[in-house]
Amino acid sequence: QVQLVESGGGLVQAGGSLRLSCAASGNIFSINVMGWYRQAPGKQRDVVATITSGGSTNYADSVKGRFTISGDNAKNTVYLQLNSLKPEDTAVYYCYAYVRRAISGSANYWGQGTQVTVSS
């Protein structure tokens, strides 16, 4: 089994910053992609940013220039730096990983979610 453990959410004023972390552990041979998704109340879960093991990144248009994703392959960890936060960034943020397991193939995994609340 594989576990993703997130940390770093919280309450911040508009214009502020937060840093989210997500560490993967367990039956891992390699991780091809890690990323962050978010889900606001009453809305679907949408991608925020992703990073490949080679370091290629992609961002949702709504966060480009404000959020930065980075990773540490040796630690199976991904980070999301959130700057210039806006109230519309309020959501539960979920860590995601596409993991090649040491045994029994590859699969998608999700963290439990961490709440980010931005006050105006």
N, C-alpha and C. Protein backbone atom coordinates (compact mmCIF):
# COMPACT_ATOMS: atom_id res chain seq x y z
N GLN A 1 0.84 -1.19 0.00
CA GLN A 1 0.00 0.00 0.00
C GLN A 1 0.88 1.25 0.00
N VAL A 2 0.30 2.35 -0.45
CA VAL A 2 1.00 3.63 -0.53
C VAL A 2 0.19 4.66 0.23
N GLN A 3 0.86 5.49 1.00
CA GLN A 3 0.21 6.56 1.75
C GLN A 3 0.78 7.91 1.33
N LEU A 4 -0.11 8.90 1.21
CA LEU A 4 0.28 10.28 0.97
C LEU A 4 -0.16 11.10 2.17
N VAL A 5 0.78 11.79 2.79
CA VAL A 5 0.47 12.57 3.97
C VAL A 5 0.77 14.04 3.69
N GLU A 6 -0.27 14.86 3.79
CA GLU A 6 -0.15 16.29 3.50
C GLU A 6 -0.02 17.08 4.78
N SER A 7 0.56 18.26 4.64
CA SER A 7 0.63 19.21 5.75
C SER A 7 0.75 20.61 5.19
N GLY A 8 0.44 21.60 6.03
CA GLY A 8 0.71 22.97 5.66
C GLY A 8 -0.49 23.84 5.37
N GLY A 9 -1.67 23.30 5.39
CA GLY A 9 -2.84 24.14 5.14
C GLY A 9 -3.10 25.07 6.31
N GLY A 10 -4.12 25.93 6.15
CA GLY A 10 -4.46 26.83 7.24
C GLY A 10 -5.27 28.01 6.77
N LEU A 11 -5.38 28.99 7.66
CA LEU A 11 -6.13 30.21 7.40
C LEU A 11 -5.14 31.35 7.18
N VAL A 12 -5.35 32.10 6.10
CA VAL A 12 -4.45 33.19 5.79
C VAL A 12 -5.27 34.33 5.18
N GLN A 13 -4.79 35.54 5.33
CA GLN A 13 -5.46 36.69 4.72
C GLN A 13 -5.11 36.78 3.24
N ALA A 14 -5.97 37.42 2.50
CA ALA A 14 -5.71 37.64 1.09
C ALA A 14 -4.37 38.34 0.91
N GLY A 15 -3.62 37.88 -0.07
CA GLY A 15 -2.29 38.41 -0.30
C GLY A 15 -1.19 37.65 0.42
N GLY A 16 -1.59 36.78 1.32
CA GLY A 16 -0.62 36.02 2.10
C GLY A 16 -0.10 34.79 1.38
N SER A 17 0.69 34.00 2.11
CA SER A 17 1.33 32.82 1.52
C SER A 17 1.18 31.61 2.44
N LEU A 18 1.22 30.45 1.82
CA LEU A 18 1.27 29.18 2.53
C LEU A 18 2.16 28.23 1.74
N ARG A 19 2.65 27.22 2.42
CA ARG A 19 3.42 26.17 1.74
C ARG A 19 2.84 24.82 2.15
N LEU A 20 2.44 24.06 1.15
CA LEU A 20 1.92 22.72 1.38
C LEU A 20 3.00 21.69 1.08
N SER A 21 2.99 20.63 1.86
CA SER A 21 3.92 19.52 1.64
C SER A 21 3.14 18.21 1.57
N CYS A 22 3.68 17.27 0.82
CA CYS A 22 3.05 15.96 0.71
C CYS A 22 4.16 14.92 0.57
N ALA A 23 4.18 13.97 1.49
CA ALA A 23 5.19 12.91 1.47
C ALA A 23 4.52 11.57 1.18
N ALA A 24 5.08 10.84 0.23
CA ALA A 24 4.58 9.52 -0.12
C ALA A 24 5.46 8.46 0.52
N SER A 25 4.83 7.39 0.99
CA SER A 25 5.58 6.29 1.59
C SER A 25 4.86 4.98 1.33
N GLY A 26 5.60 3.89 1.50
CA GLY A 26 5.00 2.57 1.33
C GLY A 26 5.63 1.80 0.20
N ASN A 27 4.80 1.06 -0.51
CA ASN A 27 5.21 0.14 -1.56
C ASN A 27 5.51 0.91 -2.85
N ILE A 28 6.62 1.67 -2.85
CA ILE A 28 6.95 2.56 -3.97
C ILE A 28 8.22 2.09 -4.65
N PHE A 29 8.13 1.86 -5.96
CA PHE A 29 9.32 1.63 -6.77
C PHE A 29 9.79 2.94 -7.37
N SER A 30 8.83 3.69 -7.93
CA SER A 30 9.13 5.02 -8.44
C SER A 30 7.82 5.80 -8.55
N ILE A 31 7.95 7.11 -8.64
CA ILE A 31 6.78 7.98 -8.80
C ILE A 31 6.95 8.76 -10.08
N ASN A 32 6.02 8.62 -11.01
CA ASN A 32 6.12 9.29 -12.30
C ASN A 32 5.64 10.74 -12.23
N VAL A 33 4.56 10.96 -11.53
CA VAL A 33 3.95 12.28 -11.46
C VAL A 33 3.42 12.50 -10.04
N MET A 34 3.63 13.69 -9.52
CA MET A 34 2.96 14.13 -8.31
C MET A 34 2.32 15.47 -8.58
N GLY A 35 1.32 15.79 -7.78
CA GLY A 35 0.66 17.06 -8.03
C GLY A 35 -0.31 17.43 -6.94
N TRP A 36 -0.99 18.54 -7.19
CA TRP A 36 -2.00 19.05 -6.27
C TRP A 36 -3.28 19.35 -7.03
N TYR A 37 -4.37 18.95 -6.43
CA TYR A 37 -5.71 19.27 -6.91
C TYR A 37 -6.41 20.02 -5.79
N ARG A 38 -7.50 20.68 -6.12
CA ARG A 38 -8.28 21.34 -5.08
C ARG A 38 -9.77 21.23 -5.39
N GLN A 39 -10.54 21.27 -4.30
CA GLN A 39 -11.99 21.17 -4.44
C GLN A 39 -12.64 22.15 -3.48
N ALA A 40 -13.35 23.10 -4.05
CA ALA A 40 -14.11 24.07 -3.26
C ALA A 40 -15.51 23.50 -3.02
N PRO A 41 -16.20 23.99 -1.98
CA PRO A 41 -17.54 23.49 -1.69
C PRO A 41 -18.47 23.60 -2.89
N GLY A 42 -19.13 22.51 -3.22
CA GLY A 42 -20.08 22.51 -4.31
C GLY A 42 -19.47 22.46 -5.69
N LYS A 43 -18.15 22.31 -5.77
CA LYS A 43 -17.47 22.29 -7.07
C LYS A 43 -16.71 20.98 -7.25
N GLN A 44 -16.32 20.72 -8.48
CA GLN A 44 -15.56 19.51 -8.76
C GLN A 44 -14.10 19.70 -8.37
N ARG A 45 -13.41 18.58 -8.26
CA ARG A 45 -11.98 18.62 -7.95
C ARG A 45 -11.22 18.95 -9.23
N ASP A 46 -10.39 19.98 -9.18
CA ASP A 46 -9.64 20.44 -10.35
C ASP A 46 -8.14 20.42 -10.08
N VAL A 47 -7.39 20.22 -11.14
CA VAL A 47 -5.94 20.21 -11.01
C VAL A 47 -5.44 21.63 -10.74
N VAL A 48 -4.45 21.72 -9.87
CA VAL A 48 -3.78 22.99 -9.58
C VAL A 48 -2.41 23.02 -10.25
N ALA A 49 -1.61 21.98 -9.98
CA ALA A 49 -0.27 21.91 -10.55
C ALA A 49 0.23 20.48 -10.48
N THR A 50 1.07 20.11 -11.45
CA THR A 50 1.68 18.79 -11.45
C THR A 50 3.16 18.91 -11.77
N ILE A 51 3.92 17.89 -11.34
CA ILE A 51 5.34 17.85 -11.63
C ILE A 51 5.72 16.40 -11.91
N THR A 52 6.52 16.19 -12.96
CA THR A 52 6.98 14.85 -13.27
C THR A 52 8.29 14.56 -12.55
N SER A 53 8.69 13.30 -12.58
CA SER A 53 9.95 12.94 -11.95
C SER A 53 11.13 13.62 -12.63
N GLY A 54 10.95 14.02 -13.87
CA GLY A 54 11.99 14.74 -14.59
C GLY A 54 11.99 16.23 -14.35
N GLY A 55 10.99 16.70 -13.59
CA GLY A 55 10.95 18.11 -13.23
C GLY A 55 10.05 18.98 -14.10
N SER A 56 9.34 18.39 -15.06
CA SER A 56 8.43 19.18 -15.87
C SER A 56 7.19 19.55 -15.07
N THR A 57 6.77 20.79 -15.20
CA THR A 57 5.64 21.27 -14.40
C THR A 57 4.52 21.79 -15.29
N ASN A 58 3.33 21.72 -14.76
CA ASN A 58 2.15 22.30 -15.40
C ASN A 58 1.29 22.95 -14.33
N TYR A 59 0.64 24.05 -14.70
CA TYR A 59 -0.18 24.79 -13.76
C TYR A 59 -1.53 25.12 -14.37
N ALA A 60 -2.53 25.19 -13.52
CA ALA A 60 -3.81 25.74 -13.94
C ALA A 60 -3.62 27.23 -14.23
N ASP A 61 -4.34 27.74 -15.21
CA ASP A 61 -4.19 29.14 -15.57
C ASP A 61 -4.46 30.06 -14.39
N SER A 62 -5.36 29.66 -13.53
CA SER A 62 -5.77 30.53 -12.42
C SER A 62 -4.67 30.71 -11.37
N VAL A 63 -3.65 29.87 -11.38
CA VAL A 63 -2.61 29.97 -10.36
C VAL A 63 -1.24 30.30 -10.95
N LYS A 64 -1.13 30.37 -12.26
CA LYS A 64 0.16 30.67 -12.88
C LYS A 64 0.69 32.00 -12.38
N GLY A 65 1.98 32.00 -12.02
CA GLY A 65 2.61 33.21 -11.54
C GLY A 65 2.44 33.43 -10.05
N ARG A 66 1.56 32.65 -9.41
CA ARG A 66 1.34 32.80 -7.97
C ARG A 66 1.75 31.55 -7.19
N PHE A 67 1.53 30.39 -7.78
CA PHE A 67 1.86 29.12 -7.10
C PHE A 67 3.08 28.49 -7.77
N THR A 68 3.89 27.80 -6.97
CA THR A 68 5.04 27.10 -7.50
C THR A 68 5.08 25.69 -6.93
N ILE A 69 5.16 24.71 -7.82
CA ILE A 69 5.27 23.32 -7.40
C ILE A 69 6.72 22.88 -7.52
N SER A 70 7.17 22.09 -6.56
CA SER A 70 8.52 21.55 -6.60
C SER A 70 8.50 20.17 -5.97
N GLY A 71 9.56 19.41 -6.24
CA GLY A 71 9.60 18.05 -5.72
C GLY A 71 10.98 17.63 -5.29
N ASP A 72 11.02 16.63 -4.44
CA ASP A 72 12.26 16.02 -3.99
C ASP A 72 12.12 14.53 -4.24
N ASN A 73 12.71 14.05 -5.34
CA ASN A 73 12.54 12.65 -5.73
C ASN A 73 13.09 11.70 -4.67
N ALA A 74 14.19 12.08 -4.05
CA ALA A 74 14.82 11.21 -3.06
C ALA A 74 13.91 11.01 -1.85
N LYS A 75 13.07 12.01 -1.57
CA LYS A 75 12.18 11.93 -0.40
C LYS A 75 10.75 11.60 -0.79
N ASN A 76 10.50 11.40 -2.09
CA ASN A 76 9.12 11.15 -2.55
C ASN A 76 8.17 12.21 -2.01
N THR A 77 8.60 13.45 -2.11
CA THR A 77 7.85 14.57 -1.54
C THR A 77 7.61 15.64 -2.59
N VAL A 78 6.43 16.24 -2.52
CA VAL A 78 6.09 17.35 -3.39
C VAL A 78 5.64 18.53 -2.53
N TYR A 79 5.96 19.72 -3.00
CA TYR A 79 5.62 20.95 -2.29
C TYR A 79 4.81 21.85 -3.21
N LEU A 80 3.99 22.67 -2.59
CA LEU A 80 3.28 23.70 -3.33
C LEU A 80 3.39 25.00 -2.55
N GLN A 81 4.08 25.97 -3.14
CA GLN A 81 4.19 27.29 -2.54
C GLN A 81 3.06 28.15 -3.09
N LEU A 82 2.21 28.65 -2.21
CA LEU A 82 1.06 29.46 -2.60
C LEU A 82 1.32 30.90 -2.18
N ASN A 83 1.48 31.78 -3.15
CA ASN A 83 1.71 33.20 -2.89
C ASN A 83 0.54 34.03 -3.44
N SER A 84 0.45 35.25 -2.95
CA SER A 84 -0.59 36.17 -3.43
C SER A 84 -1.96 35.50 -3.41
N LEU A 85 -2.26 34.88 -2.29
CA LEU A 85 -3.50 34.12 -2.19
C LEU A 85 -4.73 35.01 -2.28
N LYS A 86 -5.77 34.45 -2.90
CA LYS A 86 -7.04 35.14 -3.09
C LYS A 86 -8.14 34.34 -2.40
N PRO A 87 -9.23 35.00 -2.04
CA PRO A 87 -10.35 34.24 -1.42
C PRO A 87 -10.83 33.08 -2.29
N GLU A 88 -10.75 33.23 -3.60
CA GLU A 88 -11.19 32.15 -4.48
C GLU A 88 -10.24 30.96 -4.50
N ASP A 89 -9.11 31.07 -3.83
CA ASP A 89 -8.22 29.92 -3.68
C ASP A 89 -8.66 29.01 -2.53
N THR A 90 -9.65 29.45 -1.77
CA THR A 90 -10.15 28.65 -0.65
C THR A 90 -10.70 27.32 -1.15
N ALA A 91 -10.18 26.24 -0.59
CA ALA A 91 -10.58 24.90 -1.02
C ALA A 91 -9.85 23.88 -0.15
N VAL A 92 -10.25 22.64 -0.30
CA VAL A 92 -9.46 21.53 0.23
C VAL A 92 -8.47 21.14 -0.86
N TYR A 93 -7.22 21.10 -0.50
CA TYR A 93 -6.15 20.77 -1.44
C TYR A 93 -5.72 19.32 -1.23
N TYR A 94 -5.72 18.57 -2.32
CA TYR A 94 -5.39 17.14 -2.28
C TYR A 94 -4.10 16.88 -3.02
N CYS A 95 -3.24 16.12 -2.40
CA CYS A 95 -2.02 15.65 -3.04
C CYS A 95 -2.34 14.42 -3.89
N TYR A 96 -1.64 14.29 -5.00
CA TYR A 96 -1.87 13.19 -5.93
C TYR A 96 -0.52 12.61 -6.35
N ALA A 97 -0.48 11.32 -6.54
CA ALA A 97 0.74 10.69 -7.05
C ALA A 97 0.37 9.50 -7.95
N TYR A 98 1.07 9.38 -9.05
CA TYR A 98 0.96 8.19 -9.90
C TYR A 98 2.20 7.36 -9.61
N VAL A 99 1.97 6.24 -8.93
CA VAL A 99 3.06 5.47 -8.33
C VAL A 99 3.24 4.14 -9.05
N ARG A 100 4.49 3.85 -9.38
CA ARG A 100 4.84 2.48 -9.81
C ARG A 100 5.25 1.74 -8.55
N ARG A 101 4.47 0.74 -8.20
CA ARG A 101 4.72 0.04 -6.96
C ARG A 101 5.83 -0.99 -7.09
N ALA A 102 6.48 -1.28 -5.99
CA ALA A 102 7.54 -2.29 -5.99
C ALA A 102 6.96 -3.65 -6.37
N ILE A 103 5.70 -3.86 -5.99
CA ILE A 103 5.00 -5.09 -6.37
C ILE A 103 3.65 -4.69 -6.95
N SER A 104 3.23 -5.31 -8.01
CA SER A 104 1.87 -5.23 -8.56
C SER A 104 1.53 -3.93 -9.28
N GLY A 105 2.42 -3.46 -10.14
CA GLY A 105 2.05 -2.45 -11.11
C GLY A 105 1.93 -1.04 -10.58
N SER A 106 1.21 -0.20 -11.34
CA SER A 106 1.09 1.22 -11.04
C SER A 106 -0.33 1.57 -10.69
N ALA A 107 -0.48 2.70 -9.95
CA ALA A 107 -1.81 3.13 -9.54
C ALA A 107 -1.78 4.59 -9.13
N ASN A 108 -2.97 5.19 -9.09
CA ASN A 108 -3.13 6.55 -8.61
C ASN A 108 -3.40 6.54 -7.11
N TYR A 109 -2.85 7.52 -6.43
CA TYR A 109 -3.08 7.65 -4.99
C TYR A 109 -3.39 9.10 -4.65
N TRP A 110 -4.18 9.26 -3.59
CA TRP A 110 -4.60 10.59 -3.12
C TRP A 110 -4.34 10.73 -1.64
N GLY A 111 -3.98 11.96 -1.24
CA GLY A 111 -3.89 12.26 0.17
C GLY A 111 -5.26 12.53 0.75
N GLN A 112 -5.29 12.79 2.05
CA GLN A 112 -6.56 12.98 2.74
C GLN A 112 -7.12 14.38 2.58
N GLY A 113 -6.30 15.29 2.09
CA GLY A 113 -6.73 16.66 1.89
C GLY A 113 -6.33 17.57 3.03
N THR A 114 -6.02 18.81 2.68
CA THR A 114 -5.70 19.83 3.69
C THR A 114 -6.44 21.11 3.32
N GLN A 115 -7.06 21.72 4.30
CA GLN A 115 -7.91 22.89 4.06
C GLN A 115 -7.06 24.16 3.95
N VAL A 116 -7.31 24.92 2.90
CA VAL A 116 -6.73 26.25 2.75
C VAL A 116 -7.88 27.25 2.71
N THR A 117 -7.87 28.19 3.63
CA THR A 117 -8.91 29.20 3.70
C THR A 117 -8.27 30.58 3.61
N VAL A 118 -8.73 31.37 2.65
CA VAL A 118 -8.20 32.71 2.43
C VAL A 118 -9.30 33.72 2.75
N SER A 119 -9.05 34.55 3.73
CA SER A 119 -10.05 35.56 4.12
C SER A 119 -9.79 36.87 3.38
N SER A 120 -10.87 37.57 3.13
CA SER A 120 -10.75 38.84 2.38
C SER A 120 -10.53 40.01 3.32
